[in-house]
C-alpha atoms as a PDB file:
ATOM      1  CA  UNK A   1     -13.343   7.019  -7.196  1.00  0.00           C
ATOM      2  CA  UNK A   2     -15.696   8.935  -9.491  1.00  0.00           C
ATOM      3  CA  UNK A   3     -19.431   8.303  -8.849  1.00  0.00           C
ATOM      4  CA  UNK A   4     -19.952   6.939 -12.356  1.00  0.00           C
ATOM      5  CA  UNK A   5     -17.403   4.211 -11.577  1.00  0.00           C
ATOM      6  CA  UNK A   6     -18.794   3.224  -8.162  1.00  0.00           C
ATOM      7  CA  UNK A   7     -21.623   0.669  -8.125  1.00  0.00           C
ATOM      8  CA  UNK A   8     -24.252   0.917  -5.426  1.00  0.00           C
ATOM      9  CA  UNK A   9     -26.250  -2.165  -6.441  1.00  0.00           C
ATOM     10  CA  UNK A  10     -25.630  -5.263  -8.546  1.00  0.00           C
ATOM     11  CA  UNK A  11     -28.656  -7.306  -9.553  1.00  0.00           C
ATOM     12  CA  UNK A  12     -28.029 -10.754 -11.049  1.00  0.00           C
ATOM     13  CA  UNK A  13     -31.103 -12.946 -10.499  1.00  0.00           C
ATOM     14  CA  UNK A  14     -30.622 -16.681 -10.925  1.00  0.00           C
ATOM     15  CA  UNK A  15     -31.840 -17.736 -14.362  1.00  0.00           C
ATOM     16  CA  UNK A  16     -31.765 -14.193 -15.772  1.00  0.00           C
ATOM     17  CA  UNK A  17     -30.115 -13.398 -19.109  1.00  0.00           C
ATOM     18  CA  UNK A  18     -28.808  -9.999 -18.026  1.00  0.00           C
ATOM     19  CA  UNK A  19     -27.130  -8.292 -15.085  1.00  0.00           C
ATOM     20  CA  UNK A  20     -27.940  -4.778 -13.838  1.00  0.00           C
ATOM     21  CA  UNK A  21     -25.609  -2.388 -12.067  1.00  0.00           C
ATOM     22  CA  UNK A  22     -26.805   0.839 -10.500  1.00  0.00           C
ATOM     23  CA  UNK A  23     -24.036   3.394 -10.121  1.00  0.00           C
ATOM     24  CA  UNK A  24     -23.512   6.105  -7.495  1.00  0.00           C
ATOM     25  CA  UNK A  25     -24.611   8.733 -10.044  1.00  0.00           C
ATOM     26  CA  UNK A  26     -28.021   6.921 -10.144  1.00  0.00           C
ATOM     27  CA  UNK A  27     -27.485   5.561 -13.668  1.00  0.00           C
ATOM     28  CA  UNK A  28     -28.343   1.891 -14.289  1.00  0.00           C
ATOM     29  CA  UNK A  29     -26.445  -0.217 -16.821  1.00  0.00           C
ATOM     30  CA  UNK A  30     -27.884  -3.454 -18.208  1.00  0.00           C
ATOM     31  CA  UNK A  31     -25.489  -6.128 -19.445  1.00  0.00           C
ATOM     32  CA  UNK A  32     -26.680  -9.132 -21.456  1.00  0.00           C
ATOM     33  CA  UNK A  33     -24.723 -12.144 -20.206  1.00  0.00           C
ATOM     34  CA  UNK A  34     -23.630 -12.876 -23.779  1.00  0.00           C
ATOM     35  CA  UNK A  35     -21.761  -9.554 -23.943  1.00  0.00           C
ATOM     36  CA  UNK A  36     -20.291  -9.797 -20.439  1.00  0.00           C
ATOM     37  CA  UNK A  37     -18.913 -13.261 -21.111  1.00  0.00           C
ATOM     38  CA  UNK A  38     -18.071 -12.505 -24.734  1.00  0.00           C
ATOM     39  CA  UNK A  39     -16.002  -9.434 -23.869  1.00  0.00           C
ATOM     40  CA  UNK A  40     -14.291 -11.012 -20.865  1.00  0.00           C
ATOM     41  CA  UNK A  41     -11.113  -8.969 -20.342  1.00  0.00           C
ATOM     42  CA  UNK A  42      -8.953 -11.748 -18.873  1.00  0.00           C
ATOM     43  CA  UNK A  43      -5.636 -12.844 -20.342  1.00  0.00           C
ATOM     44  CA  UNK A  44      -6.970 -16.378 -20.909  1.00  0.00           C
ATOM     45  CA  UNK A  45      -9.616 -15.012 -23.295  1.00  0.00           C
ATOM     46  CA  UNK A  46      -7.679 -12.074 -24.691  1.00  0.00           C
ATOM     47  CA  UNK A  47      -3.990 -12.743 -24.418  1.00  0.00           C
ATOM     48  CA  UNK A  48      -2.109  -9.489 -24.025  1.00  0.00           C
ATOM     49  CA  UNK A  49      -3.239  -7.738 -27.187  1.00  0.00           C
ATOM     50  CA  UNK A  50      -4.315  -4.131 -27.479  1.00  0.00           C
ATOM     51  CA  UNK A  51      -8.003  -4.933 -27.952  1.00  0.00           C
ATOM     52  CA  UNK A  52     -10.670  -7.029 -26.263  1.00  0.00           C
ATOM     53  CA  UNK A  53     -12.110  -9.481 -28.782  1.00  0.00           C
ATOM     54  CA  UNK A  54     -15.542 -11.065 -28.540  1.00  0.00           C
ATOM     55  CA  UNK A  55     -15.263 -14.745 -27.599  1.00  0.00           C
ATOM     56  CA  UNK A  56     -18.296 -16.981 -28.065  1.00  0.00           C
ATOM     57  CA  UNK A  57     -19.207 -19.087 -25.021  1.00  0.00           C
ATOM     58  CA  UNK A  58     -21.678 -21.936 -24.623  1.00  0.00           C
ATOM     59  CA  UNK A  59     -23.040 -21.573 -21.089  1.00  0.00           C
ATOM     60  CA  UNK A  60     -23.870 -17.960 -20.228  1.00  0.00           C
ATOM     61  CA  UNK A  61     -25.219 -18.543 -16.732  1.00  0.00           C
ATOM     62  CA  UNK A  62     -23.557 -16.520 -13.978  1.00  0.00           C
ATOM     63  CA  UNK A  63     -22.911 -19.113 -11.281  1.00  0.00           C
ATOM     64  CA  UNK A  64     -21.475 -16.596  -8.832  1.00  0.00           C
ATOM     65  CA  UNK A  65     -19.995 -13.134  -8.638  1.00  0.00           C
ATOM     66  CA  UNK A  66     -17.611 -11.600  -6.174  1.00  0.00           C
ATOM     67  CA  UNK A  67     -16.347  -8.101  -5.548  1.00  0.00           C
ATOM     68  CA  UNK A  68     -12.588  -7.742  -6.047  1.00  0.00           C
ATOM     69  CA  UNK A  69     -11.236  -5.108  -3.703  1.00  0.00           C
ATOM     70  CA  UNK A  70     -12.870  -1.726  -4.247  1.00  0.00           C
ATOM     71  CA  UNK A  71     -12.403  -1.713  -8.004  1.00  0.00           C
ATOM     72  CA  UNK A  72     -13.835  -4.765  -9.774  1.00  0.00           C
ATOM     73  CA  UNK A  73     -16.170  -7.762  -9.994  1.00  0.00           C
ATOM     74  CA  UNK A  74     -15.207 -11.338 -10.827  1.00  0.00           C
ATOM     75  CA  UNK A  75     -17.723 -13.765 -12.364  1.00  0.00           C
ATOM     76  CA  UNK A  76     -17.853 -17.542 -12.385  1.00  0.00           C
ATOM     77  CA  UNK A  77     -19.676 -18.714 -15.499  1.00  0.00           C
ATOM     78  CA  UNK A  78     -21.615 -21.886 -16.210  1.00  0.00           C
ATOM     79  CA  UNK A  79     -18.917 -22.980 -18.660  1.00  0.00           C
ATOM     80  CA  UNK A  80     -16.397 -23.101 -15.784  1.00  0.00           C
ATOM     81  CA  UNK A  81     -14.626 -19.875 -16.737  1.00  0.00           C
ATOM     82  CA  UNK A  82     -13.807 -17.711 -13.701  1.00  0.00           C
ATOM     83  CA  UNK A  83     -10.595 -15.784 -14.356  1.00  0.00           C
ATOM     84  CA  UNK A  84     -12.042 -12.509 -15.640  1.00  0.00           C
ATOM     85  CA  UNK A  85     -11.741  -9.422 -13.448  1.00  0.00           C
ATOM     86  CA  UNK A  86     -14.052  -6.696 -14.714  1.00  0.00           C
ATOM     87  CA  UNK A  87     -13.068  -3.309 -13.335  1.00  0.00           C
ATOM     88  CA  UNK A  88     -15.891  -0.940 -12.480  1.00  0.00           C
ATOM     89  CA  UNK A  89     -14.515   1.491 -15.056  1.00  0.00           C
ATOM     90  CA  UNK A  90     -14.576  -1.199 -17.762  1.00  0.00           C
ATOM     91  CA  UNK A  91     -18.124  -2.189 -16.821  1.00  0.00           C
ATOM     92  CA  UNK A  92     -19.357   1.396 -16.923  1.00  0.00           C
ATOM     93  CA  UNK A  93     -17.762   1.952 -20.333  1.00  0.00           C
ATOM     94  CA  UNK A  94     -19.230  -1.297 -21.668  1.00  0.00           C
ATOM     95  CA  UNK A  95     -22.640  -0.441 -20.215  1.00  0.00           C
ATOM     96  CA  UNK A  96     -22.581   3.028 -21.779  1.00  0.00           C
ATOM     97  CA  UNK A  97     -21.597   1.527 -25.143  1.00  0.00           C
ATOM     98  CA  UNK A  98     -24.456  -1.002 -24.980  1.00  0.00           C
ATOM     99  CA  UNK A  99     -26.893   1.789 -24.124  1.00  0.00           C
ATOM    100  CA  UNK A 100     -25.643   4.032 -26.947  1.00  0.00           C
ATOM    101  CA  UNK A 101     -25.370   1.429 -29.720  1.00  0.00           C
ATOM    102  CA  UNK A 102     -27.566  -1.503 -28.631  1.00  0.00           C
ATOM    103  CA  UNK A 103     -26.481  -4.995 -27.645  1.00  0.00           C
ATOM    104  CA  UNK A 104     -26.492  -6.467 -31.167  1.00  0.00           C
ATOM    105  CA  UNK A 105     -24.349  -3.626 -32.544  1.00  0.00           C
ATOM    106  CA  UNK A 106     -21.830  -3.990 -29.699  1.00  0.00           C
ATOM    107  CA  UNK A 107     -21.610  -7.733 -30.332  1.00  0.00           C
ATOM    108  CA  UNK A 108     -21.154  -7.074 -34.060  1.00  0.00           C
ATOM    109  CA  UNK A 109     -18.158  -4.818 -33.338  1.00  0.00           C
ATOM    110  CA  UNK A 110     -16.180  -7.966 -32.554  1.00  0.00           C
ATOM    111  CA  UNK A 111     -13.588  -6.116 -30.517  1.00  0.00           C
ATOM    112  CA  UNK A 112     -13.296  -3.208 -28.114  1.00  0.00           C
ATOM    113  CA  UNK A 113     -10.308  -0.998 -27.345  1.00  0.00           C
ATOM    114  CA  UNK A 114      -8.557  -1.490 -24.012  1.00  0.00           C
ATOM    115  CA  UNK A 115      -8.744   1.655 -21.940  1.00  0.00           C
END
């Protein structure tokens, strides 16, 4: 796995509004919960379309997170949703996009391409 797709630390303090991932290349990505939940890549939220659409959620608290194999993280959200599997590659791409364009601009996009 490429260093930019391998997390070395995930920081998700209880009550926080964002999650931080530090990658093996020493870069840190910051993810507002609204964007993580909004751009959940699961089939329940997205169906099987070619894009990932922003879905508004009510409770943005991360209740728990769990590593999935050596390639992804799964979140359980305060609204009961827990079927999303966020690959490390997807998270790095989303984090880079947020850093480049800003959180509000990424939310305003309304959809992201599947890669």
